[in-house]
Amino acid sequence: MQSGLLSFHSIHGSQIQLSNNNHTATRVDAEKVYDNGVVYAGIPFSGHSRFVVEANELGVGWSGSFKLGVVLLSPDNFKQGYKPPRYSPGSDHDSWVWSRNLLHIGSEVKVPYGFINLEEVEKGDRLGIEVSEDGVVRYLVNGAGQGVVAQNIYTTHDHVMGFIDHYGQAVTSTVVDAFVSPFSLQHLCRKVIYRRLKHDMRALSEYLPQPLLHYVLAICIKDTPHDDQSDGAKATK
């Protein structure tokens, strides 16, 4: 079941102006300012989630373009008054940002990513973030997956927030396809068990029969499709 249609969040960069019932984001004064264009999905991701925007306007005079990202943010910190970074990737250690043809994992690691360069995005192209129920993140361009970004993203207590960075040439985008799905009860139970015992895997093998052990560990062991370009990185918290 798909529920929880998303718009953009009221927390966003200082240059972002929302319209169209918060479904359209525009970086104002784009000819003068190239940054402060980060805008988050309306609510945290959970279960099977998707957030897709259409590129409505691109300017000239700047390098760089749209960026896609997922970041883990503490619920205590992510509230009114929270200031997004001027541009992504920022200093967040638990973030996965696609910029140009590189995936930035945290603030230091960069690896090649995607089958296109985001600087080649044109008006009308659709850029998206999709997360499976088991926490496998992929970025999308016009519906096509670009490779695995991260795995086990739901094994932390933090909010899993998707965002679009209207950087450089990227001026306006509109949400065209967005939803979150409730976790299944089986998934929630499996996640609680894994969180409590993940630091002592031997405890699992001693107290659980093999079939149940394999079921619990399925949250962190997921087959990667053959056409994915990258195995991504695991959530660390």
Protein backbone atom coordinates (compact mmCIF):
# COMPACT_ATOMS: atom_id res chain seq x y z
CA MET A 1 0.00 0.00 0.00
CA GLN A 2 1.31 3.42 -0.90
CA SER A 3 0.45 6.38 1.33
CA GLY A 4 1.73 9.72 2.60
CA LEU A 5 2.02 11.77 -0.59
CA LEU A 6 4.97 14.10 -0.16
CA SER A 7 5.60 17.73 -0.97
CA PHE A 8 8.70 19.76 -0.13
CA HIS A 9 9.51 20.43 3.54
CA SER A 10 9.15 23.83 5.18
CA ILE A 11 12.80 23.50 6.26
CA HIS A 12 14.95 24.50 3.29
CA GLY A 13 17.82 26.71 2.16
CA SER A 14 17.52 30.47 2.54
CA GLN A 15 17.27 31.07 -1.23
CA ILE A 16 14.42 28.59 -1.75
CA GLN A 17 10.88 29.83 -2.28
CA LEU A 18 8.08 27.25 -2.24
CA SER A 19 4.87 27.54 -4.26
CA ASN A 20 2.17 25.32 -5.77
CA ASN A 21 1.12 24.05 -2.32
CA ASN A 22 4.79 23.35 -1.49
CA HIS A 23 5.23 21.12 -4.53
CA THR A 24 7.45 23.57 -6.46
CA ALA A 25 10.81 24.90 -5.23
CA THR A 26 12.61 27.85 -6.82
CA ARG A 27 16.03 29.26 -5.96
CA VAL A 28 15.39 33.00 -6.04
CA ASP A 29 17.96 35.47 -7.39
CA ALA A 30 19.50 32.53 -9.24
CA GLU A 31 21.47 34.85 -11.51
CA LYS A 32 23.26 36.29 -8.45
CA VAL A 33 23.36 33.40 -5.95
CA TYR A 34 24.42 29.84 -6.79
CA ASP A 35 23.84 28.11 -3.42
CA ASN A 36 21.47 27.84 -0.42
CA GLY A 37 19.13 25.75 -2.57
CA VAL A 38 18.77 22.58 -0.48
CA VAL A 39 15.16 21.49 0.07
CA TYR A 40 14.06 18.30 1.84
CA ALA A 41 11.26 15.86 1.17
CA GLY A 42 8.16 16.69 3.22
CA ILE A 43 8.48 13.83 5.72
CA PRO A 44 11.16 11.22 6.56
CA PHE A 45 11.34 8.14 4.37
CA SER A 46 9.99 4.88 5.75
CA GLY A 47 9.37 1.52 4.12
CA HIS A 48 9.25 1.63 0.35
CA SER A 49 9.61 5.33 -0.51
CA ARG A 50 10.03 7.38 -3.65
CA PHE A 51 10.60 11.09 -4.22
CA VAL A 52 10.77 12.33 -7.80
CA VAL A 53 11.02 15.90 -9.11
CA GLU A 54 10.91 17.35 -12.60
CA ALA A 55 13.53 19.90 -13.62
CA ASN A 56 11.49 22.96 -14.59
CA GLU A 57 14.11 25.65 -15.05
CA LEU A 58 17.86 25.76 -15.50
CA GLY A 59 19.84 28.96 -15.71
CA VAL A 60 23.18 29.89 -17.20
CA GLY A 61 26.32 31.49 -15.86
CA TRP A 62 27.10 28.94 -13.15
CA SER A 63 28.76 25.54 -13.10
CA GLY A 64 27.06 22.71 -11.26
CA SER A 65 23.42 21.63 -11.37
CA PHE A 66 20.87 19.56 -9.47
CA LYS A 67 22.17 17.23 -6.76
CA LEU A 68 20.32 14.36 -5.09
CA GLY A 69 20.93 13.32 -1.52
CA VAL A 70 19.93 11.24 1.46
CA VAL A 71 21.04 12.21 4.95
CA LEU A 72 20.50 10.80 8.45
CA LEU A 73 19.33 13.55 10.81
CA SER A 74 18.48 13.36 14.49
CA PRO A 75 14.78 14.01 15.16
CA ASP A 76 15.88 16.29 18.01
CA ASN A 77 17.84 18.49 15.62
CA PHE A 78 15.70 18.39 12.50
CA LYS A 79 12.98 20.84 13.45
CA GLN A 80 12.15 24.51 12.89
CA GLY A 81 15.34 26.49 13.34
CA TYR A 82 17.51 23.79 11.72
CA LYS A 83 19.75 25.35 9.06
CA PRO A 84 20.51 23.23 5.99
CA PRO A 85 24.03 23.41 4.55
CA ARG A 86 24.69 26.14 1.96
CA TYR A 87 25.27 23.37 -0.54
CA SER A 88 25.75 19.62 -0.53
CA PRO A 89 27.69 17.65 0.38
CA GLY A 90 28.04 19.50 3.67
CA SER A 91 29.76 18.33 6.83
CA ASP A 92 27.25 15.54 7.57
CA HIS A 93 29.08 12.25 8.05
CA ASP A 94 25.96 10.17 7.34
CA SER A 95 25.02 11.47 3.92
CA TRP A 96 25.05 10.16 0.35
CA VAL A 97 25.08 12.93 -2.27
CA TRP A 98 25.12 12.51 -6.05
CA SER A 99 26.83 15.48 -7.68
CA ARG A 100 27.81 15.51 -11.36
CA ASN A 101 29.09 11.94 -11.87
CA LEU A 102 30.31 11.30 -8.34
CA LEU A 103 28.72 9.88 -5.20
CA HIS A 104 29.92 11.69 -2.08
CA ILE A 105 29.72 9.39 0.95
CA GLY A 106 30.04 11.59 4.02
CA SER A 107 32.32 14.58 3.66
CA GLU A 108 35.46 12.76 2.48
CA VAL A 109 34.76 9.71 0.29
CA LYS A 110 33.96 10.15 -3.43
CA VAL A 111 33.31 7.33 -5.90
CA PRO A 112 32.12 7.31 -9.54
CA TYR A 113 28.34 7.00 -9.79
CA GLY A 114 25.53 7.07 -12.31
CA PHE A 115 25.17 6.45 -16.02
CA ILE A 116 24.87 10.17 -16.77
CA ASN A 117 26.44 13.35 -15.46
CA LEU A 118 23.90 15.48 -13.57
CA GLU A 119 25.33 18.55 -15.31
CA GLU A 120 23.72 17.13 -18.48
CA VAL A 121 20.21 17.27 -16.99
CA GLU A 122 17.77 19.22 -19.15
CA LYS A 123 14.41 20.87 -18.61
CA GLY A 124 11.74 18.18 -18.31
CA ASP A 125 14.07 15.47 -16.99
CA ARG A 126 12.91 13.67 -13.85
CA LEU A 127 15.28 13.04 -10.95
CA GLY A 128 14.38 10.73 -8.11
CA ILE A 129 15.30 8.93 -4.91
CA GLU A 130 13.92 5.46 -4.19
CA VAL A 131 14.35 3.41 -1.01
CA SER A 132 13.25 -0.21 -0.65
CA GLU A 133 11.59 -1.47 2.52
CA ASP A 134 14.90 -3.04 3.55
CA GLY A 135 16.72 0.29 3.19
CA VAL A 136 18.45 -0.01 -0.18
CA VAL A 137 18.78 3.46 -1.74
CA ARG A 138 18.96 4.15 -5.47
CA TYR A 139 18.86 7.38 -7.45
CA LEU A 140 16.77 7.61 -10.61
CA VAL A 141 16.88 9.61 -13.84
CA ASN A 142 13.72 9.49 -15.94
CA GLY A 143 12.75 6.30 -14.11
CA ALA A 144 16.04 4.48 -14.73
CA GLY A 145 18.04 3.33 -11.70
CA GLN A 146 21.60 4.65 -11.58
CA GLY A 147 23.01 2.09 -9.14
CA VAL A 148 22.91 1.29 -5.43
CA VAL A 149 23.75 4.28 -3.22
CA ALA A 150 23.48 2.84 0.30
CA GLN A 151 22.16 -0.21 2.11
CA ASN A 152 20.55 -0.78 5.53
CA ILE A 153 19.56 2.88 5.75
CA TYR A 154 16.76 2.08 8.19
CA THR A 155 18.92 0.44 10.88
CA THR A 156 19.38 3.73 12.78
CA HIS A 157 17.05 5.81 14.97
CA ASP A 158 17.64 8.93 12.87
CA HIS A 159 15.29 10.42 10.31
CA VAL A 160 16.12 9.30 6.78
CA MET A 161 15.65 12.52 4.81
CA GLY A 162 15.84 12.85 1.05
CA PHE A 163 16.69 16.20 -0.50
CA ILE A 164 17.20 18.05 -3.76
CA ASP A 165 19.94 20.67 -4.00
CA HIS A 166 19.17 23.46 -6.48
CA TYR A 167 22.78 24.38 -7.11
CA GLY A 168 24.46 26.38 -9.85
CA GLN A 169 22.37 26.08 -13.01
CA ALA A 170 19.47 24.35 -11.17
CA VAL A 171 16.71 26.88 -10.50
CA THR A 172 13.26 25.27 -10.21
CA SER A 173 11.85 21.78 -9.70
CA THR A 174 8.40 20.34 -8.99
CA VAL A 175 7.47 17.16 -7.13
CA VAL A 176 5.75 14.81 -9.59
CA ASP A 177 5.81 11.40 -7.86
CA ALA A 178 6.28 10.91 -4.16
CA PHE A 179 5.11 8.50 -1.47
CA VAL A 180 6.13 6.60 1.62
CA SER A 181 4.76 3.21 2.66
CA PRO A 182 4.28 1.94 6.21
CA PHE A 183 6.75 -0.71 7.32
CA SER A 184 5.34 -4.22 7.59
CA LEU A 185 5.07 -5.65 11.11
CA GLN A 186 7.54 -8.37 10.14
CA HIS A 187 10.09 -5.78 9.07
CA LEU A 188 9.68 -3.74 12.26
CA CYS A 189 10.15 -6.81 14.47
CA ARG A 190 13.18 -7.91 12.52
CA LYS A 191 14.71 -4.44 12.76
CA VAL A 192 14.24 -4.25 16.55
CA ILE A 193 15.94 -7.63 17.01
CA TYR A 194 18.81 -6.63 14.75
CA ARG A 195 19.33 -3.26 16.47
CA ARG A 196 19.59 -4.88 19.89
CA LEU A 197 21.92 -7.69 18.89
CA LYS A 198 23.93 -6.37 15.95
CA HIS A 199 26.99 -5.67 18.12
CA ASP A 200 27.15 -9.32 19.20
CA MET A 201 26.32 -11.52 16.24
CA ARG A 202 27.50 -14.55 18.22
CA ALA A 203 24.56 -14.02 20.55
CA LEU A 204 22.24 -14.44 17.60
CA SER A 205 23.82 -17.69 16.48
CA GLU A 206 23.72 -19.11 20.02
CA TYR A 207 20.07 -18.36 20.78
CA LEU A 208 18.27 -18.49 17.44
CA PRO A 209 17.70 -21.50 15.19
CA GLN A 210 19.34 -21.18 11.78
CA PRO A 211 16.13 -20.47 9.79
CA LEU A 212 15.19 -17.61 12.15
CA LEU A 213 18.77 -16.33 12.21
CA HIS A 214 18.78 -16.08 8.41
CA TYR A 215 15.45 -14.27 8.53
CA VAL A 216 16.71 -11.65 11.01
CA LEU A 217 19.94 -11.10 9.09
CA ALA A 218 18.02 -10.59 5.87
CA ILE A 219 17.73 -6.92 6.84
CA CYS A 220 21.44 -6.49 6.24
CA ILE A 221 22.04 -9.02 3.47
CA LYS A 222 20.38 -8.00 0.24
CA ASP A 223 21.16 -9.25 -3.26
CA THR A 224 22.27 -6.46 -5.58
CA PRO A 225 20.77 -6.44 -9.11
CA HIS A 226 23.32 -7.18 -11.83
CA ASP A 227 22.72 -3.88 -13.62
CA ASP A 228 23.59 -1.76 -10.58
CA GLN A 229 26.85 0.10 -10.92
CA SER A 230 27.83 0.49 -7.30
CA ASP A 231 27.27 -1.43 -4.09
CA GLY A 232 27.02 1.83 -2.16
CA ALA A 233 27.79 2.08 1.53
CA LYS A 234 26.08 0.95 4.69
CA ALA A 235 24.48 3.15 7.32
CA THR A 236 26.85 3.21 10.25
CA LYS A 237 24.83 4.19 13.28
